[in-house]
Protein backbone atom coordinates (compact mmCIF):
# COMPACT_ATOMS: atom_id res chain seq x y z
CA UNK A 1 103.17 81.88 128.34
CA UNK A 2 105.50 84.45 129.88
CA UNK A 3 109.06 84.32 128.62
CA UNK A 4 111.52 84.28 131.51
CA UNK A 5 114.76 82.83 130.17
CA UNK A 6 117.25 85.05 128.28
CA UNK A 7 117.24 82.38 125.59
CA UNK A 8 113.54 83.03 125.09
CA UNK A 9 113.96 86.74 124.41
CA UNK A 10 113.65 87.27 120.64
CA UNK A 11 116.46 88.87 118.69
CA UNK A 12 115.11 92.01 117.02
CA UNK A 13 117.00 93.13 113.91
CA UNK A 14 118.10 96.74 113.60
CA UNK A 15 116.41 97.11 110.21
CA UNK A 16 113.12 95.81 108.86
CA UNK A 17 111.23 95.54 105.58
CA UNK A 18 108.26 97.77 104.80
CA UNK A 19 105.97 98.15 101.79
CA UNK A 20 105.91 101.89 101.04
CA UNK A 21 103.42 103.76 98.85
CA UNK A 22 105.41 106.26 96.76
CA UNK A 23 102.57 107.42 94.51
CA UNK A 24 99.26 106.01 93.26
CA UNK A 25 99.84 102.47 91.95
CA UNK A 26 103.50 102.65 92.97
CA UNK A 27 104.74 100.54 95.90
CA UNK A 28 108.30 99.75 96.90
CA UNK A 29 109.67 97.37 99.53
CA UNK A 30 112.23 99.35 101.51
CA UNK A 31 114.50 98.78 104.46
CA UNK A 32 113.79 101.00 107.43
CA UNK A 33 115.18 101.22 110.91
CA UNK A 34 113.30 99.02 113.36
CA UNK A 35 111.53 101.37 115.81
CA UNK A 36 112.28 101.34 119.52
CA UNK A 37 109.46 101.41 122.09
CA UNK A 38 109.02 104.44 124.33
CA UNK A 39 108.45 104.07 128.08
CA UNK A 40 104.72 103.27 127.72
CA UNK A 41 104.96 101.42 124.41
CA UNK A 42 105.51 97.89 123.17
CA UNK A 43 107.35 96.71 120.07
CA UNK A 44 105.30 94.26 118.02
CA UNK A 45 106.38 91.84 115.31
CA UNK A 46 103.49 92.03 112.86
CA UNK A 47 101.99 88.67 111.91
CA UNK A 48 98.81 89.62 110.01
CA UNK A 49 97.26 92.76 108.58
CA UNK A 50 93.80 92.97 107.04
CA UNK A 51 93.43 94.99 103.84
CA UNK A 52 90.74 97.68 104.04
CA UNK A 53 88.98 99.56 101.27
CA UNK A 54 90.65 102.75 102.48
CA UNK A 55 94.06 101.18 101.83
CA UNK A 56 92.95 100.41 98.28
CA UNK A 57 91.60 103.93 97.85
CA UNK A 58 94.94 105.47 98.89
CA UNK A 59 96.74 103.06 96.55
CA UNK A 60 94.54 103.96 93.59
CA UNK A 61 93.94 107.69 94.18
CA UNK A 62 96.48 108.91 96.73
CA UNK A 63 93.81 110.50 98.87
CA UNK A 64 90.53 110.08 100.72
CA UNK A 65 88.62 113.33 101.05
CA UNK A 66 90.86 115.81 102.87
CA UNK A 67 93.49 113.16 103.69
CA UNK A 68 96.16 113.38 100.98
CA UNK A 69 99.32 111.28 100.68
CA UNK A 70 101.96 113.95 100.13
CA UNK A 71 105.07 111.88 100.93
CA UNK A 72 105.95 108.17 100.99
CA UNK A 73 103.71 106.31 103.44
CA UNK A 74 103.18 102.76 104.71
CA UNK A 75 99.59 101.55 104.33
CA UNK A 76 97.67 99.09 106.51
CA UNK A 77 95.73 99.64 109.74
CA UNK A 78 94.25 96.25 110.76
CA UNK A 79 97.19 94.56 112.54
CA UNK A 80 97.93 91.75 114.91
CA UNK A 81 101.27 90.52 116.13
CA UNK A 82 103.53 89.38 118.96
CA UNK A 83 105.21 91.62 121.52
CA UNK A 84 109.00 91.37 121.23
CA UNK A 85 110.01 94.23 123.56
CA UNK A 86 108.33 96.44 126.17
CA UNK A 87 109.00 99.99 127.34
CA UNK A 88 110.47 100.76 130.73
CA UNK A 89 107.11 101.73 132.27
CA UNK A 90 105.05 98.85 130.85
CA UNK A 91 103.99 96.36 133.53
CA UNK A 92 100.82 94.75 132.13
CA UNK A 93 102.19 93.39 128.83
CA UNK A 94 105.05 90.97 128.28
CA UNK A 95 107.34 89.65 125.58
CA UNK A 96 105.77 86.75 123.69
CA UNK A 97 102.20 87.96 124.20
CA UNK A 98 99.93 87.92 121.13
CA UNK A 99 98.02 91.16 120.62
CA UNK A 100 95.55 92.91 118.35
CA UNK A 101 96.35 96.58 117.81
CA UNK A 102 93.66 99.25 118.03
CA UNK A 103 95.02 101.60 115.36
CA UNK A 104 93.99 105.04 116.66
CA UNK A 105 95.99 106.88 119.35
CA UNK A 106 94.07 109.83 120.84
CA UNK A 107 95.33 112.64 123.01
CA UNK A 108 94.75 111.34 126.55
CA UNK A 109 93.20 114.50 128.00
CA UNK A 110 91.24 115.90 125.07
CA UNK A 111 87.55 116.67 125.78
CA UNK A 112 86.41 113.84 123.50
CA UNK A 113 88.75 111.32 125.12
CA UNK A 114 87.63 112.34 128.61
CA UNK A 115 84.02 111.80 127.52
CA UNK A 116 84.85 108.27 126.34
CA UNK A 117 84.58 109.21 122.65
CA UNK A 118 88.30 109.03 121.94
CA UNK A 119 87.63 108.12 118.30
CA UNK A 120 86.34 111.68 117.82
CA UNK A 121 89.47 113.34 119.18
CA UNK A 122 90.48 115.63 116.27
CA UNK A 123 94.17 115.02 117.04
CA UNK A 124 93.94 111.21 116.97
CA UNK A 125 96.91 109.56 115.24
CA UNK A 126 95.62 106.67 113.14
CA UNK A 127 97.68 104.08 111.28
CA UNK A 128 97.89 104.69 107.51
CA UNK A 129 96.16 108.07 107.66
CA UNK A 130 98.47 110.75 106.23
CA UNK A 131 101.04 111.54 107.46
CA UNK A 132 101.04 108.57 109.88
CA UNK A 133 102.63 105.34 108.65
CA UNK A 134 100.68 102.10 108.80
CA UNK A 135 101.65 98.50 109.40
CA UNK A 136 102.52 96.79 106.11
CA UNK A 137 105.91 96.22 107.71
CA UNK A 138 107.68 93.77 109.99
CA UNK A 139 107.73 95.74 113.26
CA UNK A 140 105.82 98.62 114.80
CA UNK A 141 105.66 100.37 118.17
CA UNK A 142 102.33 101.13 119.83
CA UNK A 143 101.02 102.26 123.23
CA UNK A 144 100.60 99.22 125.46
CA UNK A 145 97.05 100.29 126.35
CA UNK A 146 96.01 99.90 122.71
CA UNK A 147 97.75 96.53 122.23
CA UNK A 148 94.97 94.18 123.31
CA UNK A 149 96.01 90.66 124.39
CA UNK A 150 94.18 87.91 122.52
CA UNK A 151 93.55 84.31 123.62
CA UNK A 152 95.00 81.29 121.85
CA UNK A 153 91.53 80.54 120.46
CA UNK A 154 91.98 83.42 118.00
CA UNK A 155 94.19 82.97 114.96
CA UNK A 156 96.56 85.75 113.87
CA UNK A 157 94.20 86.64 111.02
CA UNK A 158 91.19 86.78 113.35
CA UNK A 159 93.13 88.98 115.76
CA UNK A 160 93.80 91.41 112.91
CA UNK A 161 90.18 91.39 111.78
CA UNK A 162 88.93 92.51 115.19
CA UNK A 163 89.28 95.96 113.62
CA UNK A 164 86.50 95.61 111.01
CA UNK A 165 84.43 93.70 113.57
CA UNK A 166 84.76 96.76 115.79
CA UNK A 167 83.23 98.85 112.99
CA UNK A 168 80.25 96.49 112.93
CA UNK A 169 79.88 96.73 116.70
CA UNK A 170 80.06 100.52 116.52
CA UNK A 171 77.40 100.66 113.80
CA UNK A 172 74.96 98.48 115.73
CA UNK A 173 75.52 100.47 118.91
CA UNK A 174 74.91 103.73 117.05
CA UNK A 175 71.63 102.35 115.67
CA UNK A 176 70.51 101.11 119.07
CA UNK A 177 69.57 97.73 117.61
CA UNK A 178 67.54 95.69 120.08
CA UNK A 179 65.21 92.72 120.34
CA UNK A 180 62.60 92.72 117.58
CA UNK A 181 64.26 95.16 115.17
CA UNK A 182 64.08 94.68 111.43
CA UNK A 183 67.46 95.62 110.00
CA UNK A 184 68.40 96.30 106.40
CA UNK A 185 72.14 96.14 105.61
CA UNK A 186 73.14 97.63 102.27
CA UNK A 187 76.52 96.37 101.10
CA UNK A 188 77.79 92.85 101.78
CA UNK A 189 81.50 93.46 101.96
CA UNK A 190 83.36 92.43 105.14
CA UNK A 191 82.04 95.36 107.20
CA UNK A 192 78.48 94.86 105.99
CA UNK A 193 78.62 91.15 106.79
CA UNK A 194 79.99 91.80 110.26
CA UNK A 195 77.42 94.53 110.89
CA UNK A 196 74.70 92.05 109.92
CA UNK A 197 76.10 89.46 112.33
CA UNK A 198 76.30 92.05 115.12
CA UNK A 199 72.72 93.17 114.47
CA UNK A 200 71.50 89.59 114.72
CA UNK A 201 73.41 89.05 117.96
CA UNK A 202 71.98 92.31 119.34
CA UNK A 203 68.45 90.96 118.98
CA UNK A 204 67.26 91.82 115.48
CA UNK A 205 64.73 89.20 114.39
CA UNK A 206 65.03 90.14 110.72
CA UNK A 207 68.36 91.02 109.09
CA UNK A 208 68.10 91.52 105.34
CA UNK A 209 71.29 92.08 103.34
CA UNK A 210 71.44 93.54 99.85
CA UNK A 211 74.31 93.81 97.38
CA UNK A 212 75.00 93.60 93.65
CA UNK A 213 77.11 90.42 93.91
CA UNK A 214 75.52 86.99 94.25
CA UNK A 215 78.64 85.47 95.84
CA UNK A 216 78.54 87.97 98.71
CA UNK A 217 74.81 87.49 99.23
CA UNK A 218 75.39 83.76 99.53
CA UNK A 219 78.03 84.43 102.19
CA UNK A 220 75.69 86.79 104.06
CA UNK A 221 73.55 83.83 105.13
CA UNK A 222 76.52 82.67 107.23
CA UNK A 223 76.77 86.09 108.88
CA UNK A 224 73.35 86.60 110.36
CA UNK A 225 71.26 87.39 107.28
CA UNK A 226 67.75 85.99 107.47
CA UNK A 227 67.08 87.04 103.87
CA UNK A 228 68.94 88.65 100.96
CA UNK A 229 68.14 90.31 97.67
CA UNK A 230 70.11 91.86 94.82
CA UNK A 231 70.11 95.63 94.72
CA UNK A 232 69.24 95.55 91.02
CA UNK A 233 66.29 93.20 91.59
CA UNK A 234 64.89 94.60 94.83
CA UNK A 235 61.24 94.51 95.91
CA UNK A 236 59.44 97.82 95.63
CA UNK A 237 59.55 100.09 98.72
CA UNK A 238 55.75 100.24 98.36
CA UNK A 239 55.43 96.51 99.02
CA UNK A 240 55.20 94.97 102.51
CA UNK A 241 58.27 93.55 104.21
CA UNK A 242 60.89 92.81 102.90
CA UNK A 243 60.12 95.70 100.58
CA UNK A 244 59.49 98.05 103.49
CA UNK A 245 58.91 98.16 107.24
CA UNK A 246 62.53 98.22 108.44
CA UNK A 247 63.34 99.87 111.73
CA UNK A 248 67.07 100.24 111.03
CA UNK A 249 69.20 100.86 107.94
CA UNK A 250 72.92 100.14 108.21
CA UNK A 251 74.60 101.31 105.03
CA UNK A 252 77.99 99.69 104.42
CA UNK A 253 78.11 100.51 100.72
CA UNK A 254 78.64 104.26 100.66
CA UNK A 255 76.62 104.28 97.42
CA UNK A 256 73.96 106.97 97.17
CA UNK A 257 71.42 104.79 95.28
CA UNK A 258 71.63 102.10 97.97
CA UNK A 259 71.27 104.64 100.78
CA UNK A 260 68.29 106.41 99.19
CA UNK A 261 66.56 103.11 98.40
CA UNK A 262 67.12 101.94 101.96
CA UNK A 263 65.69 105.14 103.40
CA UNK A 264 62.51 104.66 101.39
CA UNK A 265 62.06 101.26 103.04
CA UNK A 266 62.13 102.50 106.63
CA UNK A 267 59.16 102.52 108.96
CA UNK A 268 58.29 105.69 110.92
CA UNK A 269 60.97 106.54 113.50
CA UNK A 270 63.46 104.43 111.55
CA UNK A 271 67.16 104.87 112.24
CA UNK A 272 69.82 105.30 109.54
CA UNK A 273 73.52 104.75 110.25
CA UNK A 274 76.03 105.63 107.53
CA UNK A 275 78.95 103.24 107.86
CA UNK A 276 80.54 103.02 104.41
CA UNK A 277 82.60 105.80 102.84
CA UNK A 278 81.44 106.74 99.37
CA UNK A 279 80.17 109.94 97.85
CA UNK A 280 81.10 113.20 99.58
CA UNK A 281 77.52 114.46 99.39
CA UNK A 282 74.09 112.88 99.64
CA UNK A 283 70.72 114.14 98.37
CA UNK A 284 68.58 113.99 101.47
CA UNK A 285 64.84 113.31 100.92
CA UNK A 286 63.69 115.92 103.42
CA UNK A 287 59.92 115.26 103.15
CA UNK A 288 60.53 111.56 103.86
CA UNK A 289 62.56 112.39 106.96
CA UNK A 290 59.98 114.85 108.20
CA UNK A 291 56.89 112.75 107.51
CA UNK A 292 58.36 109.59 109.07
CA UNK A 293 60.52 111.32 111.70
CA UNK A 294 63.57 109.38 110.63
CA UNK A 295 66.88 109.57 112.49
CA UNK A 296 70.21 109.86 110.66
CA UNK A 297 73.75 109.52 112.01
CA UNK A 298 77.18 108.43 110.90
CA UNK A 299 79.95 106.60 112.68
CA UNK A 300 83.64 107.41 112.72
CA UNK A 301 85.59 104.25 113.47
CA UNK A 302 84.94 102.95 117.01
CA UNK A 303 85.68 103.32 120.70
CA UNK A 304 85.70 100.79 123.53
CA UNK A 305 84.94 97.81 121.28
CA UNK A 306 87.95 95.48 121.48
CA UNK A 307 87.03 93.58 124.63
CA UNK A 308 83.57 92.87 123.22
CA UNK A 309 84.99 91.86 119.84
CA UNK A 310 87.49 89.46 121.40
CA UNK A 311 84.80 87.76 123.51
CA UNK A 312 82.45 87.43 120.53
CA UNK A 313 85.08 85.62 118.48
CA UNK A 314 86.36 83.54 121.40
CA UNK A 315 82.82 82.30 122.09
CA UNK A 316 82.31 81.34 118.44
CA UNK A 317 79.64 83.97 117.80
CA UNK A 318 81.50 85.47 114.85
CA UNK A 319 83.75 83.63 112.37
CA UNK A 320 86.45 86.03 111.20
CA UNK A 321 88.74 83.43 109.63
CA UNK A 322 86.16 82.57 106.97
CA UNK A 323 86.34 86.14 105.67
CA UNK A 324 89.94 85.64 104.52
CA UNK A 325 90.10 84.71 100.86
CA UNK A 326 93.74 85.55 99.94
CA UNK A 327 97.04 85.93 101.79
CA UNK A 328 100.05 87.92 100.64
CA UNK A 329 103.60 88.83 101.66
CA UNK A 330 105.21 92.28 101.74
CA UNK A 331 106.44 91.74 98.17
CA UNK A 332 102.86 91.17 97.04
CA UNK A 333 100.99 94.08 98.64
CA UNK A 334 99.82 95.46 95.28
CA UNK A 335 97.95 92.21 94.60
CA UNK A 336 96.47 92.32 98.10
CA UNK A 337 95.19 95.86 97.52
CA UNK A 338 93.39 94.86 94.31
CA UNK A 339 92.19 91.41 95.38
CA UNK A 340 88.72 92.62 96.35
CA UNK A 341 87.56 92.88 92.73
CA UNK A 342 88.00 89.16 92.05
CA UNK A 343 84.96 86.85 92.07
CA UNK A 344 84.43 85.36 95.50
CA UNK A 345 86.88 87.74 97.16
CA UNK A 346 86.09 89.10 100.61
CA UNK A 347 89.18 89.89 102.66
CA UNK A 348 92.84 89.91 101.74
CA UNK A 349 95.47 89.81 104.46
CA UNK A 350 99.16 90.60 104.41
CA UNK A 351 101.44 88.39 106.49
CA UNK A 352 104.76 90.25 106.86
């Protein structure tokens, strides 16, 4: 519904609350000025933010690889919300519209952006990646082009979780999954589960998910898995399928033992996609890659996925709401960031 009456225009306060990371394990709720949208931006009241493992890593360690938190920063990069103001040049978004925010803003004319790979633009500005603030706050501005309208069929939480679904879509696209593939997914966290669901929808006839947690393996059956096994009780790679014979390995664990075990299970010409962030280095079994002519790639976030993700959820092909196991306010962000270790936990969300 488009808001047309002055009485319908929301009153935006001049200050807002934000959960700010001051140092590892140290958060503080602060008041900050409410941002104002630029000519091509919209101002969004945040309704739901998914908690990612990278948020937890920054909270616990203050860094991820070369990205170091050197000054106070707001975490959170999986947001959804409602537009409460639009910039002077915005004509295709309106106040009152519900949106899911794609968190990376590339340079519009960089070589990577012009090639359609805007996620690989080295100057991309990404929520909650130092020194860019994230969205564990009440309001945020964002380019209108990256504020994707969502239908009423999607809840606020589902609109936020289009971000991890986009990672799953990106992984399956990178692997070229197609009809008849046998896919092994290592790691049954939210991204692994969504990658499994995407692989199944892309045509994989076998999708086997492995993890160390029984509760997550049980959930995997609801997200496209045709079979599961525990990583510590896995069939030998020398045995027939499901021990071996996979055409695709999607690693969502980032754990070297899981990756190496998965590689051993691939058929000739198998494809490996590294999705999860874990160890900085990996011991590559070169003879295995040469003798089987395996293909190895990684993915860095996503590009051009939101429209597909929205349609998948709207058509009931993916259930994002069932991933949510705990909800938290801005005063409870620390608990949200550590919720993933609890039995049965999958996805925490913050509702500012």
